[in-house]
C-alpha atoms as a PDB file:
ATOM      1  CA  MET A   1      22.112 -17.766   1.848  1.00  0.00           C
ATOM      2  CA  PRO A   2      24.474 -19.189  -0.806  1.00  0.00           C
ATOM      3  CA  PRO A   3      23.004 -21.543  -3.441  1.00  0.00           C
ATOM      4  CA  GLY A   4      22.963 -25.121  -2.241  1.00  0.00           C
ATOM      5  CA  ASP A   5      22.796 -24.327   1.473  1.00  0.00           C
ATOM      6  CA  VAL A   6      20.158 -26.250   3.430  1.00  0.00           C
ATOM      7  CA  ILE A   7      17.426 -23.781   4.394  1.00  0.00           C
ATOM      8  CA  VAL A   8      14.719 -26.192   5.592  1.00  0.00           C
ATOM      9  CA  SER A   9      15.418 -29.439   7.425  1.00  0.00           C
ATOM     10  CA  LEU A  10      12.996 -31.920   9.013  1.00  0.00           C
ATOM     11  CA  ARG A  11      14.372 -34.875  10.966  1.00  0.00           C
ATOM     12  CA  GLY A  12      12.299 -37.564  12.662  1.00  0.00           C
ATOM     13  CA  VAL A  13       9.231 -35.327  12.653  1.00  0.00           C
ATOM     14  CA  ALA A  14       5.822 -36.512  13.871  1.00  0.00           C
ATOM     15  CA  LYS A  15       2.692 -34.396  14.279  1.00  0.00           C
ATOM     16  CA  ASP A  16      -0.762 -35.585  15.314  1.00  0.00           C
ATOM     17  CA  TYR A  17      -3.416 -33.714  13.340  1.00  0.00           C
ATOM     18  CA  ARG A  18      -6.418 -35.992  13.983  1.00  0.00           C
ATOM     19  CA  GLY A  19      -5.935 -37.849  10.694  1.00  0.00           C
ATOM     20  CA  LEU A  20      -5.877 -41.601  10.213  1.00  0.00           C
ATOM     21  CA  ARG A  21      -2.312 -41.482  11.511  1.00  0.00           C
ATOM     22  CA  PRO A  22       0.078 -38.728  12.573  1.00  0.00           C
ATOM     23  CA  LEU A  23       2.038 -36.969   9.890  1.00  0.00           C
ATOM     24  CA  ARG A  24       5.535 -38.442   9.859  1.00  0.00           C
ATOM     25  CA  VAL A  25       8.508 -37.124   7.903  1.00  0.00           C
ATOM     26  CA  GLU A  26      11.691 -39.040   8.609  1.00  0.00           C
ATOM     27  CA  ARG A  27      14.000 -36.689   6.696  1.00  0.00           C
ATOM     28  CA  LEU A  28      13.531 -33.768   4.322  1.00  0.00           C
ATOM     29  CA  GLU A  29      16.096 -31.183   3.270  1.00  0.00           C
ATOM     30  CA  LEU A  30      15.332 -28.234   1.043  1.00  0.00           C
ATOM     31  CA  ARG A  31      18.310 -26.318  -0.345  1.00  0.00           C
ATOM     32  CA  GLN A  32      18.606 -22.731  -1.477  1.00  0.00           C
ATOM     33  CA  GLY A  33      17.456 -22.354  -5.092  1.00  0.00           C
ATOM     34  CA  GLU A  34      16.047 -25.894  -5.257  1.00  0.00           C
ATOM     35  CA  THR A  35      12.647 -26.909  -6.653  1.00  0.00           C
ATOM     36  CA  VAL A  36      11.074 -29.900  -4.894  1.00  0.00           C
ATOM     37  CA  ALA A  37       7.648 -31.508  -5.210  1.00  0.00           C
ATOM     38  CA  LEU A  38       6.109 -33.827  -2.640  1.00  0.00           C
ATOM     39  CA  LEU A  39       3.499 -36.493  -3.379  1.00  0.00           C
ATOM     40  CA  GLY A  40       1.517 -38.511  -0.848  1.00  0.00           C
ATOM     41  CA  PHE A  41       0.245 -35.635   1.322  1.00  0.00           C
ATOM     42  CA  ASP A  42      -3.491 -34.971   1.358  1.00  0.00           C
ATOM     43  CA  ARG A  43      -4.672 -31.389   1.781  1.00  0.00           C
ATOM     44  CA  ALA A  44      -4.827 -31.580   5.565  1.00  0.00           C
ATOM     45  CA  ALA A  45      -1.341 -33.091   5.815  1.00  0.00           C
ATOM     46  CA  ALA A  46       0.004 -30.484   3.381  1.00  0.00           C
ATOM     47  CA  GLY A  47      -1.325 -27.729   5.610  1.00  0.00           C
ATOM     48  CA  VAL A  48       0.270 -29.337   8.666  1.00  0.00           C
ATOM     49  CA  LEU A  49       3.610 -29.600   6.860  1.00  0.00           C
ATOM     50  CA  VAL A  50       3.535 -25.933   5.837  1.00  0.00           C
ATOM     51  CA  ASP A  51       2.621 -24.910   9.385  1.00  0.00           C
ATOM     52  CA  LEU A  52       5.586 -26.906  10.713  1.00  0.00           C
ATOM     53  CA  ILE A  53       8.004 -25.316   8.248  1.00  0.00           C
ATOM     54  CA  THR A  54       6.763 -21.786   8.967  1.00  0.00           C
ATOM     55  CA  ALA A  55       6.778 -22.429  12.752  1.00  0.00           C
ATOM     56  CA  ALA A  56       3.043 -21.799  12.977  1.00  0.00           C
ATOM     57  CA  SER A  57       3.040 -25.096  14.892  1.00  0.00           C
ATOM     58  CA  LEU A  58       5.722 -27.261  16.481  1.00  0.00           C
ATOM     59  CA  PRO A  59       6.279 -30.998  15.956  1.00  0.00           C
ATOM     60  CA  ASP A  60       5.237 -33.485  18.619  1.00  0.00           C
ATOM     61  CA  ALA A  61       8.541 -35.233  17.991  1.00  0.00           C
ATOM     62  CA  GLY A  62      11.635 -34.527  15.950  1.00  0.00           C
ATOM     63  CA  ASP A  63      13.245 -31.302  14.770  1.00  0.00           C
ATOM     64  CA  VAL A  64      12.451 -28.642  12.194  1.00  0.00           C
ATOM     65  CA  ASP A  65      15.248 -26.206  11.335  1.00  0.00           C
ATOM     66  CA  VAL A  66      14.688 -23.186   9.096  1.00  0.00           C
ATOM     67  CA  PHE A  67      17.532 -20.960   7.894  1.00  0.00           C
ATOM     68  CA  GLY A  68      19.841 -22.766  10.283  1.00  0.00           C
ATOM     69  CA  LYS A  69      17.695 -22.267  13.395  1.00  0.00           C
ATOM     70  CA  PRO A  70      15.324 -24.689  15.142  1.00  0.00           C
ATOM     71  CA  THR A  71      11.718 -23.525  15.033  1.00  0.00           C
ATOM     72  CA  ARG A  72      11.442 -24.393  18.740  1.00  0.00           C
ATOM     73  CA  SER A  73      13.834 -21.511  19.467  1.00  0.00           C
ATOM     74  CA  ILE A  74      11.437 -18.878  18.074  1.00  0.00           C
ATOM     75  CA  ALA A  75       9.965 -17.551  21.301  1.00  0.00           C
ATOM     76  CA  ALA A  76       8.591 -14.076  20.544  1.00  0.00           C
ATOM     77  CA  PRO A  77       5.734 -13.185  18.160  1.00  0.00           C
ATOM     78  CA  ASP A  78       7.835 -10.485  16.470  1.00  0.00           C
ATOM     79  CA  ALA A  79      10.611 -12.986  15.748  1.00  0.00           C
ATOM     80  CA  TRP A  80       8.073 -15.409  14.301  1.00  0.00           C
ATOM     81  CA  LEU A  81       6.549 -12.745  12.046  1.00  0.00           C
ATOM     82  CA  GLU A  82      10.005 -11.779  10.823  1.00  0.00           C
ATOM     83  CA  GLU A  83      10.713 -15.428   9.998  1.00  0.00           C
ATOM     84  CA  LEU A  84       7.326 -15.791   8.312  1.00  0.00           C
ATOM     85  CA  ASP A  85       8.158 -12.965   5.907  1.00  0.00           C
ATOM     86  CA  GLU A  86      10.786 -15.241   4.339  1.00  0.00           C
ATOM     87  CA  PHE A  87       7.986 -17.491   3.037  1.00  0.00           C
ATOM     88  CA  GLY A  88       5.325 -17.025   0.401  1.00  0.00           C
ATOM     89  CA  ILE A  89       2.409 -19.402   0.878  1.00  0.00           C
ATOM     90  CA  LEU A  90       0.347 -20.411  -2.149  1.00  0.00           C
ATOM     91  CA  SER A  91      -2.695 -22.086  -0.671  1.00  0.00           C
ATOM     92  CA  GLU A  92      -6.472 -22.251  -0.730  1.00  0.00           C
ATOM     93  CA  ARG A  93      -6.189 -21.254   2.918  1.00  0.00           C
ATOM     94  CA  ALA A  94      -5.139 -17.809   1.669  1.00  0.00           C
ATOM     95  CA  ILE A  95      -8.690 -16.606   1.177  1.00  0.00           C
ATOM     96  CA  LEU A  96      -9.609 -14.395  -1.756  1.00  0.00           C
ATOM     97  CA  LEU A  97     -12.150 -11.692  -0.988  1.00  0.00           C
ATOM     98  CA  ASP A  98     -14.669 -12.297  -3.747  1.00  0.00           C
ATOM     99  CA  GLN A  99     -16.323  -8.887  -3.465  1.00  0.00           C
ATOM    100  CA  LEU A 100     -12.994  -7.168  -4.141  1.00  0.00           C
ATOM    101  CA  THR A 101     -11.376  -6.838  -7.543  1.00  0.00           C
ATOM    102  CA  ALA A 102      -8.302  -8.803  -8.500  1.00  0.00           C
ATOM    103  CA  GLU A 103      -6.306  -5.578  -8.110  1.00  0.00           C
ATOM    104  CA  GLN A 104      -7.578  -4.994  -4.583  1.00  0.00           C
ATOM    105  CA  ASN A 105      -6.812  -8.595  -3.595  1.00  0.00           C
ATOM    106  CA  LEU A 106      -3.272  -8.217  -4.916  1.00  0.00           C
ATOM    107  CA  ALA A 107      -2.912  -4.933  -3.014  1.00  0.00           C
ATOM    108  CA  LEU A 108      -3.728  -6.463   0.386  1.00  0.00           C
ATOM    109  CA  PRO A 109      -0.117  -7.493   1.215  1.00  0.00           C
ATOM    110  CA  TYR A 110       0.929  -3.865   0.653  1.00  0.00           C
ATOM    111  CA  SER A 111      -1.904  -1.740   1.994  1.00  0.00           C
ATOM    112  CA  LEU A 112      -5.396  -1.676   3.490  1.00  0.00           C
ATOM    113  CA  GLU A 113      -6.241   1.498   1.562  1.00  0.00           C
ATOM    114  CA  LEU A 114      -8.127  -0.364  -1.137  1.00  0.00           C
ATOM    115  CA  ASP A 115     -10.691   2.169  -2.350  1.00  0.00           C
ATOM    116  CA  ASP A 116      -8.052   4.611  -3.535  1.00  0.00           C
ATOM    117  CA  LEU A 117      -4.763   2.785  -3.904  1.00  0.00           C
ATOM    118  CA  PRO A 118      -1.622   4.847  -3.295  1.00  0.00           C
ATOM    119  CA  ALA A 119       0.361   5.344  -6.492  1.00  0.00           C
ATOM    120  CA  ALA A 120       3.305   3.247  -5.277  1.00  0.00           C
ATOM    121  CA  VAL A 121       1.011   0.391  -4.302  1.00  0.00           C
ATOM    122  CA  ARG A 122      -0.793   0.504  -7.632  1.00  0.00           C
ATOM    123  CA  ALA A 123       2.549   0.370  -9.450  1.00  0.00           C
ATOM    124  CA  ASN A 124       3.603  -2.667  -7.414  1.00  0.00           C
ATOM    125  CA  VAL A 125       0.290  -4.377  -8.082  1.00  0.00           C
ATOM    126  CA  ARG A 126       0.467  -3.731 -11.842  1.00  0.00           C
ATOM    127  CA  ALA A 127       4.006  -5.151 -11.983  1.00  0.00           C
ATOM    128  CA  LEU A 128       2.883  -8.190  -9.980  1.00  0.00           C
ATOM    129  CA  ALA A 129      -0.127  -8.690 -12.261  1.00  0.00           C
ATOM    130  CA  ASP A 130       2.114  -8.609 -15.325  1.00  0.00           C
ATOM    131  CA  GLU A 131       4.426 -11.173 -13.735  1.00  0.00           C
ATOM    132  CA  VAL A 132       1.609 -13.648 -13.002  1.00  0.00           C
ATOM    133  CA  ALA A 133      -0.201 -13.016 -16.325  1.00  0.00           C
ATOM    134  CA  ILE A 134      -3.283 -11.188 -15.050  1.00  0.00           C
ATOM    135  CA  SER A 135      -4.621  -8.834 -17.710  1.00  0.00           C
ATOM    136  CA  ARG A 136      -5.714  -5.240 -17.097  1.00  0.00           C
ATOM    137  CA  ALA A 137      -9.344  -6.230 -17.736  1.00  0.00           C
ATOM    138  CA  GLU A 138      -9.082  -9.059 -15.200  1.00  0.00           C
ATOM    139  CA  LEU A 139      -7.509  -6.692 -12.659  1.00  0.00           C
ATOM    140  CA  THR A 140     -10.653  -4.569 -12.509  1.00  0.00           C
ATOM    141  CA  ALA A 141     -13.080  -7.511 -12.276  1.00  0.00           C
ATOM    142  CA  PRO A 142     -14.443  -8.832  -8.978  1.00  0.00           C
ATOM    143  CA  ALA A 143     -12.551 -11.959  -7.956  1.00  0.00           C
ATOM    144  CA  ALA A 144     -15.825 -13.912  -7.755  1.00  0.00           C
ATOM    145  CA  THR A 145     -16.351 -13.513 -11.515  1.00  0.00           C
ATOM    146  CA  LEU A 146     -12.915 -14.737 -12.573  1.00  0.00           C
ATOM    147  CA  PRO A 147     -12.128 -18.287 -13.787  1.00  0.00           C
ATOM    148  CA  PRO A 148     -10.164 -20.734 -11.617  1.00  0.00           C
ATOM    149  CA  LEU A 149      -6.843 -20.217 -13.431  1.00  0.00           C
ATOM    150  CA  VAL A 150      -6.977 -16.458 -12.867  1.00  0.00           C
ATOM    151  CA  ARG A 151      -7.936 -16.967  -9.227  1.00  0.00           C
ATOM    152  CA  ALA A 152      -4.882 -19.225  -8.882  1.00  0.00           C
ATOM    153  CA  ARG A 153      -2.779 -16.453 -10.410  1.00  0.00           C
ATOM    154  CA  ILE A 154      -4.116 -13.980  -7.832  1.00  0.00           C
ATOM    155  CA  ARG A 155      -3.134 -16.345  -5.021  1.00  0.00           C
ATOM    156  CA  LEU A 156       0.301 -16.767  -6.596  1.00  0.00           C
ATOM    157  CA  GLY A 157       0.725 -13.010  -6.876  1.00  0.00           C
ATOM    158  CA  LYS A 158      -0.190 -12.508  -3.222  1.00  0.00           C
ATOM    159  CA  ALA A 159       2.302 -15.207  -2.212  1.00  0.00           C
ATOM    160  CA  LEU A 160       5.059 -13.424  -4.151  1.00  0.00           C
ATOM    161  CA  ALA A 161       4.169  -9.861  -3.183  1.00  0.00           C
ATOM    162  CA  LEU A 162       6.676  -9.437  -0.342  1.00  0.00           C
ATOM    163  CA  ASP A 163       9.576 -11.061  -2.238  1.00  0.00           C
ATOM    164  CA  PRO A 164       9.901 -14.275  -0.218  1.00  0.00           C
ATOM    165  CA  HIS A 165      12.988 -16.455  -0.352  1.00  0.00           C
ATOM    166  CA  VAL A 166      10.907 -19.650  -0.246  1.00  0.00           C
ATOM    167  CA  LEU A 167       7.582 -20.369  -1.961  1.00  0.00           C
ATOM    168  CA  LEU A 168       5.476 -23.066  -0.281  1.00  0.00           C
ATOM    169  CA  ALA A 169       2.645 -24.296  -2.502  1.00  0.00           C
ATOM    170  CA  GLU A 170      -0.122 -26.464  -1.012  1.00  0.00           C
ATOM    171  CA  HIS A 171      -1.947 -28.334  -3.792  1.00  0.00           C
ATOM    172  CA  PRO A 172      -1.855 -25.220  -6.021  1.00  0.00           C
ATOM    173  CA  ASN A 173      -3.459 -27.121  -8.909  1.00  0.00           C
ATOM    174  CA  ALA A 174      -6.390 -28.565  -6.957  1.00  0.00           C
ATOM    175  CA  LEU A 175      -9.050 -26.076  -8.117  1.00  0.00           C
ATOM    176  CA  VAL A 176      -7.689 -25.518 -11.635  1.00  0.00           C
ATOM    177  CA  PRO A 177      -9.304 -27.399 -14.557  1.00  0.00           C
ATOM    178  CA  PRO A 178      -7.071 -30.109 -16.073  1.00  0.00           C
ATOM    179  CA  ALA A 179      -6.884 -28.272 -19.392  1.00  0.00           C
ATOM    180  CA  ASP A 180      -5.264 -25.280 -17.670  1.00  0.00           C
ATOM    181  CA  LEU A 181      -2.712 -27.196 -15.609  1.00  0.00           C
ATOM    182  CA  PRO A 182       0.101 -27.114 -18.213  1.00  0.00           C
ATOM    183  CA  THR A 183      -0.292 -23.331 -18.335  1.00  0.00           C
ATOM    184  CA  LEU A 184      -0.176 -23.019 -14.553  1.00  0.00           C
ATOM    185  CA  ALA A 185       2.868 -25.311 -14.348  1.00  0.00           C
ATOM    186  CA  ALA A 186       4.707 -23.359 -17.045  1.00  0.00           C
ATOM    187  CA  GLU A 187       3.939 -20.021 -15.395  1.00  0.00           C
ATOM    188  CA  LEU A 188       5.001 -21.231 -11.960  1.00  0.00           C
ATOM    189  CA  SER A 189       8.261 -22.613 -13.352  1.00  0.00           C
ATOM    190  CA  ARG A 190       8.966 -19.403 -15.261  1.00  0.00           C
ATOM    191  CA  ILE A 191       8.423 -17.196 -12.228  1.00  0.00           C
ATOM    192  CA  VAL A 192      10.431 -19.384  -9.847  1.00  0.00           C
ATOM    193  CA  SER A 193      13.329 -19.512 -12.296  1.00  0.00           C
ATOM    194  CA  ALA A 194      13.276 -15.753 -12.952  1.00  0.00           C
ATOM    195  CA  ARG A 195      13.164 -14.891  -9.248  1.00  0.00           C
ATOM    196  CA  GLY A 196      15.599 -17.579  -8.142  1.00  0.00           C
ATOM    197  CA  VAL A 197      13.185 -18.455  -5.352  1.00  0.00           C
ATOM    198  CA  THR A 198      13.259 -21.841  -3.612  1.00  0.00           C
ATOM    199  CA  LEU A 199      10.100 -23.850  -4.300  1.00  0.00           C
ATOM    200  CA  LEU A 200       8.385 -26.616  -2.348  1.00  0.00           C
ATOM    201  CA  VAL A 201       5.184 -27.906  -3.961  1.00  0.00           C
ATOM    202  CA  VAL A 202       2.825 -30.394  -2.334  1.00  0.00           C
ATOM    203  CA  THR A 203       0.458 -31.973  -4.850  1.00  0.00           C
ATOM    204  CA  ALA A 204      -1.447 -35.152  -5.615  1.00  0.00           C
ATOM    205  CA  ASP A 205      -0.739 -34.818  -9.346  1.00  0.00           C
ATOM    206  CA  ALA A 206       2.491 -36.573 -10.358  1.00  0.00           C
ATOM    207  CA  THR A 207       2.478 -34.977 -13.811  1.00  0.00           C
ATOM    208  CA  PHE A 208       2.179 -31.499 -12.332  1.00  0.00           C
ATOM    209  CA  ALA A 209       4.911 -32.353  -9.812  1.00  0.00           C
ATOM    210  CA  ARG A 210       7.337 -33.417 -12.538  1.00  0.00           C
ATOM    211  CA  SER A 211       6.503 -30.285 -14.552  1.00  0.00           C
ATOM    212  CA  VAL A 212       7.451 -27.816 -11.822  1.00  0.00           C
ATOM    213  CA  ALA A 213      10.183 -29.531  -9.791  1.00  0.00           C
ATOM    214  CA  GLU A 214      13.641 -30.918 -10.376  1.00  0.00           C
ATOM    215  CA  ARG A 215      13.261 -33.299  -7.451  1.00  0.00           C
ATOM    216  CA  VAL A 216      10.072 -35.286  -6.800  1.00  0.00           C
ATOM    217  CA  LEU A 217       9.608 -37.234  -3.550  1.00  0.00           C
ATOM    218  CA  THR A 218       6.761 -39.527  -2.488  1.00  0.00           C
ATOM    219  CA  LEU A 219       5.834 -39.901   1.172  1.00  0.00           C
ATOM    220  CA  GLN A 220       5.467 -43.389   2.617  1.00  0.00           C
ATOM    221  CA  ALA A 221       2.895 -42.464   5.248  1.00  0.00           C
ATOM    222  CA  ALA A 222       3.475 -45.422   7.573  1.00  0.00           C
ATOM    223  CA  THR A 223       7.194 -44.786   7.953  1.00  0.00           C
ATOM    224  CA  GLY A 224       7.615 -41.124   7.024  1.00  0.00           C
ATOM    225  CA  THR A 225      10.296 -41.862   4.458  1.00  0.00           C
ATOM    226  CA  LEU A 226      10.400 -39.864   1.242  1.00  0.00           C
ATOM    227  CA  GLU A 227      11.242 -41.893  -1.858  1.00  0.00           C
ATOM    228  CA  ALA A 228      12.788 -40.103  -4.813  1.00  0.00           C
ATOM    229  CA  SER A 229      11.726 -40.151  -8.432  1.00  0.00           C
ATOM    230  CA  SER A 230      13.129 -38.049 -11.238  1.00  0.00           C
ATOM    231  CA  GLY A 231      11.534 -34.866 -12.505  1.00  0.00           C
ATOM    232  CA  TRP A 232      11.423 -34.318 -16.253  1.00  0.00           C
ATOM    233  CA  ARG A 233      14.238 -31.732 -16.177  1.00  0.00           C
ATOM    234  CA  SER A 234      16.598 -34.270 -14.615  1.00  0.00           C
ATOM    235  CA  TRP A 235      15.609 -36.823 -17.255  1.00  0.00           C
ATOM    236  CA  PHE A 236      16.534 -34.429 -20.053  1.00  0.00           C
ATOM    237  CA  ARG A 237      19.852 -33.559 -18.427  1.00  0.00           C
ATOM    238  CA  ARG A 238      20.796 -37.242 -18.376  1.00  0.00           C
ATOM    239  CA  SER A 239      19.882 -37.845 -22.032  1.00  0.00           C
END
């Protein structure tokens, strides 16, 4: 889709997820090539939002449109899987297999032949590892032995493996030590910019949000409205 086109739209959405109140989003538009961060969603609500956008679930009220089509119109499993391929999901819900090496975890989107990786798969994995700053030594280590920042990089690599048009990140900084967050933010921004991928980040950390997104919105849970605040890039452009 051309830059600037609306690729995700939520209007008057409500979804009961057994929280204190239903998730409400009065209006959200995500445009091609845009980087947006959302504050005010806890982890459960972030997961519900991502499921609504990817059509893994449908809203109780309101409309969700993705790539110009309502998610309610996706009737067949094959059509849903095809739509899902447009998204990379960076989330703790994307489980790492601790007994496998970082390389084997990164290979999973490409192949289930993990004991003896095909040459083409290994080449893809090495390129992906370089992109997300995983060293050759880290690649051969079991995921369980790696520090939180490297584990976050593995999750990021898996989310990017199939070249998605949209990257959805659910609290990607939650398990990363504070000292490593500037590094994670810088790497995420670099990769998103280089790929030209659209980014939606849900986080509780306003500093992290402003570091990775040009547009930062805060959810007012009672009403579902999203209030805007400026990311740091916008601030510099105005100065």
